[in-house]
């Protein structure tokens, strides 16, 4: 996917037509990636750009603090550099405002397209425990499947809790540990028993089957959405 520099707005030539060219090229790349039903990293990248643009539009001081400076003169005797803020240029500011007015709605359209894919995956997910659920569920296994494919990818997960301001958030970290083929003789329960035998550090692991019939790319789409869905599922218990 084509990437857009974090400081693309104030980097290089500040010209509406030039920035429009950059924006449309980036968004076309995002659209093509979404067309392949791949959500990440474009969705999170797109959200960061959109959030930054809205913040800049709402806060002129934020824009001033992040704007490049132009060297106006140097006092070598006192080793002082005096800068003139480019932001004082009214013509330049009008150009920036035109770019923001164009870019924000375009980024929002991209986000809406990504959110539609996300919602489709999220609604399709089914989460079921394998065996009895233990009291401790912050670590365990997530078995990800996409019927009719019989391949089962097993991810070990760990729930993390972190604080921001007065809010408490739950995050999740996963790593692929096993790949199985589901069959009459190799059920989810037998897979779980195999995991307990192979990884004794988790003697009574919380284990969940997360399934979707959509057949979307696992790494870029299904796995990230499944991770958040599992966190939500465990938080509701």
C-alpha atoms as a PDB file:
ATOM      1  CA  UNK A   1       0.000   0.000   0.000  1.00  0.00           C
ATOM      2  CA  UNK A   2       1.197   3.518  -0.771  1.00  0.00           C
ATOM      3  CA  UNK A   3       2.059   5.398   2.419  1.00  0.00           C
ATOM      4  CA  UNK A   4       1.600   9.073   3.295  1.00  0.00           C
ATOM      5  CA  UNK A   5       4.202  10.813   5.443  1.00  0.00           C
ATOM      6  CA  UNK A   6       2.913  11.818   8.908  1.00  0.00           C
ATOM      7  CA  UNK A   7       3.895  15.447   8.204  1.00  0.00           C
ATOM      8  CA  UNK A   8       2.716  15.476   4.590  1.00  0.00           C
ATOM      9  CA  UNK A   9       0.641  18.632   5.118  1.00  0.00           C
ATOM     10  CA  UNK A  10       3.566  20.900   5.964  1.00  0.00           C
ATOM     11  CA  UNK A  11       6.344  18.959   4.246  1.00  0.00           C
ATOM     12  CA  UNK A  12       7.681  20.140   0.900  1.00  0.00           C
ATOM     13  CA  UNK A  13       5.689  22.326  -1.446  1.00  0.00           C
ATOM     14  CA  UNK A  14       2.572  23.746   0.197  1.00  0.00           C
ATOM     15  CA  UNK A  15       0.314  24.000  -2.801  1.00  0.00           C
ATOM     16  CA  UNK A  16      -3.323  22.922  -3.037  1.00  0.00           C
ATOM     17  CA  UNK A  17      -3.021  21.116  -6.389  1.00  0.00           C
ATOM     18  CA  UNK A  18       0.150  19.308  -5.314  1.00  0.00           C
ATOM     19  CA  UNK A  19      -1.304  18.204  -1.978  1.00  0.00           C
ATOM     20  CA  UNK A  20      -4.514  17.164  -3.714  1.00  0.00           C
ATOM     21  CA  UNK A  21      -2.426  14.945  -6.002  1.00  0.00           C
ATOM     22  CA  UNK A  22      -0.749  13.355  -2.959  1.00  0.00           C
ATOM     23  CA  UNK A  23      -4.058  12.813  -1.174  1.00  0.00           C
ATOM     24  CA  UNK A  24      -5.845  11.257  -4.132  1.00  0.00           C
ATOM     25  CA  UNK A  25      -2.911   8.945  -4.864  1.00  0.00           C
ATOM     26  CA  UNK A  26      -2.834   7.771  -1.256  1.00  0.00           C
ATOM     27  CA  UNK A  27      -6.605   7.300  -1.042  1.00  0.00           C
ATOM     28  CA  UNK A  28      -6.654   5.374  -4.327  1.00  0.00           C
ATOM     29  CA  UNK A  29      -4.071   3.006  -2.849  1.00  0.00           C
ATOM     30  CA  UNK A  30      -6.216   2.629   0.297  1.00  0.00           C
ATOM     31  CA  UNK A  31      -9.295   1.961  -1.827  1.00  0.00           C
ATOM     32  CA  UNK A  32      -7.485  -0.752  -3.789  1.00  0.00           C
ATOM     33  CA  UNK A  33      -6.361  -2.400  -0.552  1.00  0.00           C
ATOM     34  CA  UNK A  34      -9.898  -2.268   0.824  1.00  0.00           C
ATOM     35  CA  UNK A  35     -11.035  -3.779  -2.474  1.00  0.00           C
ATOM     36  CA  UNK A  36      -8.907  -6.790  -1.583  1.00  0.00           C
ATOM     37  CA  UNK A  37     -10.772  -6.895   1.763  1.00  0.00           C
ATOM     38  CA  UNK A  38      -7.577  -6.000   3.617  1.00  0.00           C
ATOM     39  CA  UNK A  39      -8.268  -3.665   6.514  1.00  0.00           C
ATOM     40  CA  UNK A  40      -4.911  -3.286   8.221  1.00  0.00           C
ATOM     41  CA  UNK A  41      -2.693  -1.340   8.164  1.00  0.00           C
ATOM     42  CA  UNK A  42      -4.650   1.108   5.927  1.00  0.00           C
ATOM     43  CA  UNK A  43      -7.612   1.576   8.299  1.00  0.00           C
ATOM     44  CA  UNK A  44      -5.517   2.543  11.330  1.00  0.00           C
ATOM     45  CA  UNK A  45      -3.190   4.656   9.172  1.00  0.00           C
ATOM     46  CA  UNK A  46      -6.156   6.451   7.626  1.00  0.00           C
ATOM     47  CA  UNK A  47      -7.675   7.129  11.045  1.00  0.00           C
ATOM     48  CA  UNK A  48      -4.440   8.689  12.344  1.00  0.00           C
ATOM     49  CA  UNK A  49      -4.226  11.036   9.338  1.00  0.00           C
ATOM     50  CA  UNK A  50      -7.893  11.995   9.672  1.00  0.00           C
ATOM     51  CA  UNK A  51      -7.614  12.648  13.417  1.00  0.00           C
ATOM     52  CA  UNK A  52      -4.527  14.819  12.910  1.00  0.00           C
ATOM     53  CA  UNK A  53      -6.209  16.877  10.189  1.00  0.00           C
ATOM     54  CA  UNK A  54      -9.297  17.514  12.331  1.00  0.00           C
ATOM     55  CA  UNK A  55      -7.086  18.500  15.254  1.00  0.00           C
ATOM     56  CA  UNK A  56      -5.121  20.920  13.085  1.00  0.00           C
ATOM     57  CA  UNK A  57      -8.290  22.456  11.687  1.00  0.00           C
ATOM     58  CA  UNK A  58      -9.720  22.955  15.184  1.00  0.00           C
ATOM     59  CA  UNK A  59      -6.540  24.237  16.801  1.00  0.00           C
ATOM     60  CA  UNK A  60      -4.509  26.913  15.062  1.00  0.00           C
ATOM     61  CA  UNK A  61      -1.887  26.838  17.820  1.00  0.00           C
ATOM     62  CA  UNK A  62      -1.342  23.139  17.136  1.00  0.00           C
ATOM     63  CA  UNK A  63      -0.724  23.995  13.491  1.00  0.00           C
ATOM     64  CA  UNK A  64       1.665  26.783  14.459  1.00  0.00           C
ATOM     65  CA  UNK A  65       3.659  24.502  16.744  1.00  0.00           C
ATOM     66  CA  UNK A  66       4.041  21.886  14.024  1.00  0.00           C
ATOM     67  CA  UNK A  67       4.787  24.230  11.177  1.00  0.00           C
ATOM     68  CA  UNK A  68       8.281  24.490   9.695  1.00  0.00           C
ATOM     69  CA  UNK A  69      10.229  27.635  10.497  1.00  0.00           C
ATOM     70  CA  UNK A  70      12.082  29.908   8.089  1.00  0.00           C
ATOM     71  CA  UNK A  71      15.452  31.284   9.126  1.00  0.00           C
ATOM     72  CA  UNK A  72      15.115  35.098   8.984  1.00  0.00           C
ATOM     73  CA  UNK A  73      18.428  36.214  10.482  1.00  0.00           C
ATOM     74  CA  UNK A  74      21.261  34.986  12.639  1.00  0.00           C
ATOM     75  CA  UNK A  75      23.069  36.855  15.378  1.00  0.00           C
ATOM     76  CA  UNK A  76      26.420  35.053  15.386  1.00  0.00           C
ATOM     77  CA  UNK A  77      27.858  37.170  18.213  1.00  0.00           C
ATOM     78  CA  UNK A  78      25.173  36.017  20.637  1.00  0.00           C
ATOM     79  CA  UNK A  79      24.787  32.649  18.840  1.00  0.00           C
ATOM     80  CA  UNK A  80      21.058  33.247  18.522  1.00  0.00           C
ATOM     81  CA  UNK A  81      18.836  32.214  15.646  1.00  0.00           C
ATOM     82  CA  UNK A  82      15.716  34.262  15.099  1.00  0.00           C
ATOM     83  CA  UNK A  83      12.912  32.518  13.245  1.00  0.00           C
ATOM     84  CA  UNK A  84       9.980  33.948  11.426  1.00  0.00           C
ATOM     85  CA  UNK A  85       6.828  31.823  11.534  1.00  0.00           C
ATOM     86  CA  UNK A  86       5.675  30.941   8.071  1.00  0.00           C
ATOM     87  CA  UNK A  87       2.210  30.714   9.560  1.00  0.00           C
ATOM     88  CA  UNK A  88       2.027  34.516   9.586  1.00  0.00           C
ATOM     89  CA  UNK A  89       1.746  34.413   5.806  1.00  0.00           C
ATOM     90  CA  UNK A  90      -1.983  34.900   5.075  1.00  0.00           C
ATOM     91  CA  UNK A  91      -1.687  33.482   1.555  1.00  0.00           C
ATOM     92  CA  UNK A  92      -0.018  30.378   2.907  1.00  0.00           C
ATOM     93  CA  UNK A  93      -2.665  29.948   5.590  1.00  0.00           C
ATOM     94  CA  UNK A  94      -5.421  30.208   2.994  1.00  0.00           C
ATOM     95  CA  UNK A  95      -3.687  27.452   1.020  1.00  0.00           C
ATOM     96  CA  UNK A  96      -3.530  25.269   4.161  1.00  0.00           C
ATOM     97  CA  UNK A  97      -7.213  25.851   4.907  1.00  0.00           C
ATOM     98  CA  UNK A  98      -8.155  24.916   1.326  1.00  0.00           C
ATOM     99  CA  UNK A  99      -6.138  21.700   1.637  1.00  0.00           C
ATOM    100  CA  UNK A 100      -7.824  20.841   4.942  1.00  0.00           C
ATOM    101  CA  UNK A 101     -11.291  21.557   3.545  1.00  0.00           C
ATOM    102  CA  UNK A 102     -10.637  19.151   0.696  1.00  0.00           C
ATOM    103  CA  UNK A 103      -8.733  16.473   2.607  1.00  0.00           C
ATOM    104  CA  UNK A 104     -10.952  15.926   5.664  1.00  0.00           C
ATOM    105  CA  UNK A 105     -14.111  14.860   3.768  1.00  0.00           C
ATOM    106  CA  UNK A 106     -12.036  12.636   1.459  1.00  0.00           C
ATOM    107  CA  UNK A 107     -10.365  10.888   4.396  1.00  0.00           C
ATOM    108  CA  UNK A 108     -13.754  10.511   6.057  1.00  0.00           C
ATOM    109  CA  UNK A 109     -15.111   8.724   2.973  1.00  0.00           C
ATOM    110  CA  UNK A 110     -12.193   6.304   3.151  1.00  0.00           C
ATOM    111  CA  UNK A 111     -12.852   5.655   6.828  1.00  0.00           C
ATOM    112  CA  UNK A 112     -16.518   4.926   6.142  1.00  0.00           C
ATOM    113  CA  UNK A 113     -15.545   2.373   3.482  1.00  0.00           C
ATOM    114  CA  UNK A 114     -13.144   0.693   5.887  1.00  0.00           C
ATOM    115  CA  UNK A 115     -15.682   0.729   8.698  1.00  0.00           C
ATOM    116  CA  UNK A 116     -18.210  -1.017   6.474  1.00  0.00           C
ATOM    117  CA  UNK A 117     -15.766  -3.894   5.910  1.00  0.00           C
ATOM    118  CA  UNK A 118     -14.925  -3.964   9.622  1.00  0.00           C
ATOM    119  CA  UNK A 119     -18.597  -4.111  10.609  1.00  0.00           C
ATOM    120  CA  UNK A 120     -19.285  -6.915   8.125  1.00  0.00           C
ATOM    121  CA  UNK A 121     -16.489  -9.020   9.622  1.00  0.00           C
ATOM    122  CA  UNK A 122     -17.432  -8.167  13.195  1.00  0.00           C
ATOM    123  CA  UNK A 123     -21.086  -9.125  12.675  1.00  0.00           C
ATOM    124  CA  UNK A 124     -20.108 -12.411  11.049  1.00  0.00           C
ATOM    125  CA  UNK A 125     -17.915 -13.569  13.951  1.00  0.00           C
ATOM    126  CA  UNK A 126     -19.107 -16.298  16.289  1.00  0.00           C
ATOM    127  CA  UNK A 127     -17.283 -16.972  19.554  1.00  0.00           C
ATOM    128  CA  UNK A 128     -17.714 -20.226  21.462  1.00  0.00           C
ATOM    129  CA  UNK A 129     -15.738 -21.594  24.434  1.00  0.00           C
ATOM    130  CA  UNK A 130     -14.067 -24.985  24.107  1.00  0.00           C
ATOM    131  CA  UNK A 131     -14.913 -27.001  27.210  1.00  0.00           C
ATOM    132  CA  UNK A 132     -15.471 -25.348  30.560  1.00  0.00           C
ATOM    133  CA  UNK A 133     -14.296 -21.773  30.971  1.00  0.00           C
ATOM    134  CA  UNK A 134     -11.828 -21.278  33.814  1.00  0.00           C
ATOM    135  CA  UNK A 135     -12.088 -18.360  36.247  1.00  0.00           C
ATOM    136  CA  UNK A 136      -8.944 -16.804  34.783  1.00  0.00           C
ATOM    137  CA  UNK A 137      -9.446 -15.822  31.159  1.00  0.00           C
ATOM    138  CA  UNK A 138      -6.782 -13.149  30.619  1.00  0.00           C
ATOM    139  CA  UNK A 139      -4.516 -15.730  28.957  1.00  0.00           C
ATOM    140  CA  UNK A 140      -5.432 -18.649  26.750  1.00  0.00           C
ATOM    141  CA  UNK A 141      -5.981 -19.720  23.165  1.00  0.00           C
ATOM    142  CA  UNK A 142      -8.058 -18.406  20.287  1.00  0.00           C
ATOM    143  CA  UNK A 143      -8.814 -20.931  17.538  1.00  0.00           C
ATOM    144  CA  UNK A 144      -9.529 -19.001  14.360  1.00  0.00           C
ATOM    145  CA  UNK A 145     -11.442 -20.762  11.570  1.00  0.00           C
ATOM    146  CA  UNK A 146     -13.142 -19.753   8.329  1.00  0.00           C
ATOM    147  CA  UNK A 147     -15.515 -22.525   7.218  1.00  0.00           C
ATOM    148  CA  UNK A 148     -15.721 -24.399   4.913  1.00  0.00           C
ATOM    149  CA  UNK A 149     -11.920 -24.328   5.200  1.00  0.00           C
ATOM    150  CA  UNK A 150     -10.984 -26.926   7.836  1.00  0.00           C
ATOM    151  CA  UNK A 151      -7.713 -25.217   8.709  1.00  0.00           C
ATOM    152  CA  UNK A 152      -7.595 -24.012  12.313  1.00  0.00           C
ATOM    153  CA  UNK A 153      -5.021 -21.424  13.326  1.00  0.00           C
ATOM    154  CA  UNK A 154      -4.394 -21.362  17.059  1.00  0.00           C
ATOM    155  CA  UNK A 155      -3.234 -18.111  18.622  1.00  0.00           C
ATOM    156  CA  UNK A 156      -2.087 -17.791  22.193  1.00  0.00           C
ATOM    157  CA  UNK A 157      -3.531 -14.582  23.601  1.00  0.00           C
ATOM    158  CA  UNK A 158      -2.748 -12.370  26.581  1.00  0.00           C
ATOM    159  CA  UNK A 159      -5.047  -9.610  27.785  1.00  0.00           C
ATOM    160  CA  UNK A 160      -3.311  -6.464  29.012  1.00  0.00           C
ATOM    161  CA  UNK A 161      -4.855  -3.702  31.068  1.00  0.00           C
ATOM    162  CA  UNK A 162      -3.538  -0.162  30.817  1.00  0.00           C
ATOM    163  CA  UNK A 163      -4.687   3.188  32.129  1.00  0.00           C
ATOM    164  CA  UNK A 164      -5.056   6.476  30.303  1.00  0.00           C
ATOM    165  CA  UNK A 165      -6.170   9.480  32.336  1.00  0.00           C
ATOM    166  CA  UNK A 166      -9.113   8.170  34.360  1.00  0.00           C
ATOM    167  CA  UNK A 167      -9.992   5.404  31.914  1.00  0.00           C
ATOM    168  CA  UNK A 168      -9.019   1.742  32.006  1.00  0.00           C
ATOM    169  CA  UNK A 169      -8.510  -0.084  28.729  1.00  0.00           C
ATOM    170  CA  UNK A 170      -8.069  -3.725  27.823  1.00  0.00           C
ATOM    171  CA  UNK A 171      -5.734  -4.656  25.002  1.00  0.00           C
ATOM    172  CA  UNK A 172      -4.728  -8.007  23.548  1.00  0.00           C
ATOM    173  CA  UNK A 173      -1.524  -9.561  22.246  1.00  0.00           C
ATOM    174  CA  UNK A 174      -1.578 -12.718  20.143  1.00  0.00           C
ATOM    175  CA  UNK A 175       0.946 -15.044  18.559  1.00  0.00           C
ATOM    176  CA  UNK A 176       0.394 -17.982  16.239  1.00  0.00           C
ATOM    177  CA  UNK A 177       1.418 -21.221  17.986  1.00  0.00           C
ATOM    178  CA  UNK A 178      -0.215 -24.078  16.052  1.00  0.00           C
ATOM    179  CA  UNK A 179      -2.053 -24.984  12.851  1.00  0.00           C
ATOM    180  CA  UNK A 180      -4.473 -27.917  12.821  1.00  0.00           C
ATOM    181  CA  UNK A 181      -6.849 -29.486  10.340  1.00  0.00           C
ATOM    182  CA  UNK A 182     -10.275 -30.070  11.812  1.00  0.00           C
ATOM    183  CA  UNK A 183     -11.782 -33.526  11.290  1.00  0.00           C
ATOM    184  CA  UNK A 184     -14.084 -36.029  12.964  1.00  0.00           C
ATOM    185  CA  UNK A 185     -11.135 -37.411  14.907  1.00  0.00           C
ATOM    186  CA  UNK A 186      -9.435 -34.050  15.475  1.00  0.00           C
ATOM    187  CA  UNK A 187     -12.038 -31.945  17.249  1.00  0.00           C
ATOM    188  CA  UNK A 188     -11.547 -28.619  18.985  1.00  0.00           C
ATOM    189  CA  UNK A 189     -11.562 -30.430  22.313  1.00  0.00           C
ATOM    190  CA  UNK A 190      -8.773 -32.770  21.184  1.00  0.00           C
ATOM    191  CA  UNK A 191      -6.827 -29.785  19.877  1.00  0.00           C
ATOM    192  CA  UNK A 192      -7.155 -28.172  23.310  1.00  0.00           C
ATOM    193  CA  UNK A 193      -5.859 -31.316  25.013  1.00  0.00           C
ATOM    194  CA  UNK A 194      -2.917 -31.335  22.613  1.00  0.00           C
ATOM    195  CA  UNK A 195      -2.138 -27.725  23.487  1.00  0.00           C
ATOM    196  CA  UNK A 196      -2.219 -28.483  27.226  1.00  0.00           C
ATOM    197  CA  UNK A 197       0.219 -31.345  26.705  1.00  0.00           C
ATOM    198  CA  UNK A 198       2.577 -29.334  24.511  1.00  0.00           C
ATOM    199  CA  UNK A 199       2.410 -26.086  26.510  1.00  0.00           C
ATOM    200  CA  UNK A 200       2.219 -27.087  30.201  1.00  0.00           C
ATOM    201  CA  UNK A 201       2.695 -23.473  31.313  1.00  0.00           C
ATOM    202  CA  UNK A 202      -1.038 -23.113  30.597  1.00  0.00           C
ATOM    203  CA  UNK A 203      -2.458 -26.198  32.359  1.00  0.00           C
ATOM    204  CA  UNK A 204      -6.099 -25.042  32.278  1.00  0.00           C
ATOM    205  CA  UNK A 205      -6.289 -22.527  29.444  1.00  0.00           C
ATOM    206  CA  UNK A 206      -9.317 -20.501  28.476  1.00  0.00           C
ATOM    207  CA  UNK A 207      -9.912 -21.571  24.864  1.00  0.00           C
ATOM    208  CA  UNK A 208     -12.297 -20.082  22.340  1.00  0.00           C
ATOM    209  CA  UNK A 209     -13.245 -20.855  18.769  1.00  0.00           C
ATOM    210  CA  UNK A 210     -13.723 -17.699  16.717  1.00  0.00           C
ATOM    211  CA  UNK A 211     -15.264 -18.357  13.307  1.00  0.00           C
ATOM    212  CA  UNK A 212     -16.425 -16.446  10.257  1.00  0.00           C
ATOM    213  CA  UNK A 213     -17.717 -17.673   6.902  1.00  0.00           C
ATOM    214  CA  UNK A 214     -16.549 -14.621   4.924  1.00  0.00           C
ATOM    215  CA  UNK A 215     -13.176 -15.944   3.810  1.00  0.00           C
ATOM    216  CA  UNK A 216     -11.437 -12.565   4.087  1.00  0.00           C
ATOM    217  CA  UNK A 217      -7.628 -12.276   4.471  1.00  0.00           C
ATOM    218  CA  UNK A 218      -6.762 -13.512   7.935  1.00  0.00           C
ATOM    219  CA  UNK A 219      -3.699 -11.493   8.885  1.00  0.00           C
ATOM    220  CA  UNK A 220      -4.858  -8.144   7.504  1.00  0.00           C
ATOM    221  CA  UNK A 221      -8.563  -8.347   8.367  1.00  0.00           C
ATOM    222  CA  UNK A 222     -10.047 -11.285  10.239  1.00  0.00           C
ATOM    223  CA  UNK A 223      -7.406 -11.588  12.972  1.00  0.00           C
ATOM    224  CA  UNK A 224      -7.406  -7.897  14.040  1.00  0.00           C
ATOM    225  CA  UNK A 225     -11.219  -7.802  14.151  1.00  0.00           C
ATOM    226  CA  UNK A 226     -11.356 -11.152  15.981  1.00  0.00           C
ATOM    227  CA  UNK A 227      -8.886  -9.887  18.576  1.00  0.00           C
ATOM    228  CA  UNK A 228     -11.086  -6.910  19.433  1.00  0.00           C
ATOM    229  CA  UNK A 229     -14.208  -9.070  19.400  1.00  0.00           C
ATOM    230  CA  UNK A 230     -12.617 -11.504  21.870  1.00  0.00           C
ATOM    231  CA  UNK A 231     -11.633  -8.640  24.193  1.00  0.00           C
ATOM    232  CA  UNK A 232     -15.217  -7.383  24.070  1.00  0.00           C
ATOM    233  CA  UNK A 233     -16.567 -10.886  24.673  1.00  0.00           C
ATOM    234  CA  UNK A 234     -14.337 -11.439  27.724  1.00  0.00           C
ATOM    235  CA  UNK A 235     -15.083  -7.968  29.099  1.00  0.00           C
ATOM    236  CA  UNK A 236     -18.810  -8.684  29.063  1.00  0.00           C
ATOM    237  CA  UNK A 237     -18.485 -11.797  31.218  1.00  0.00           C
END
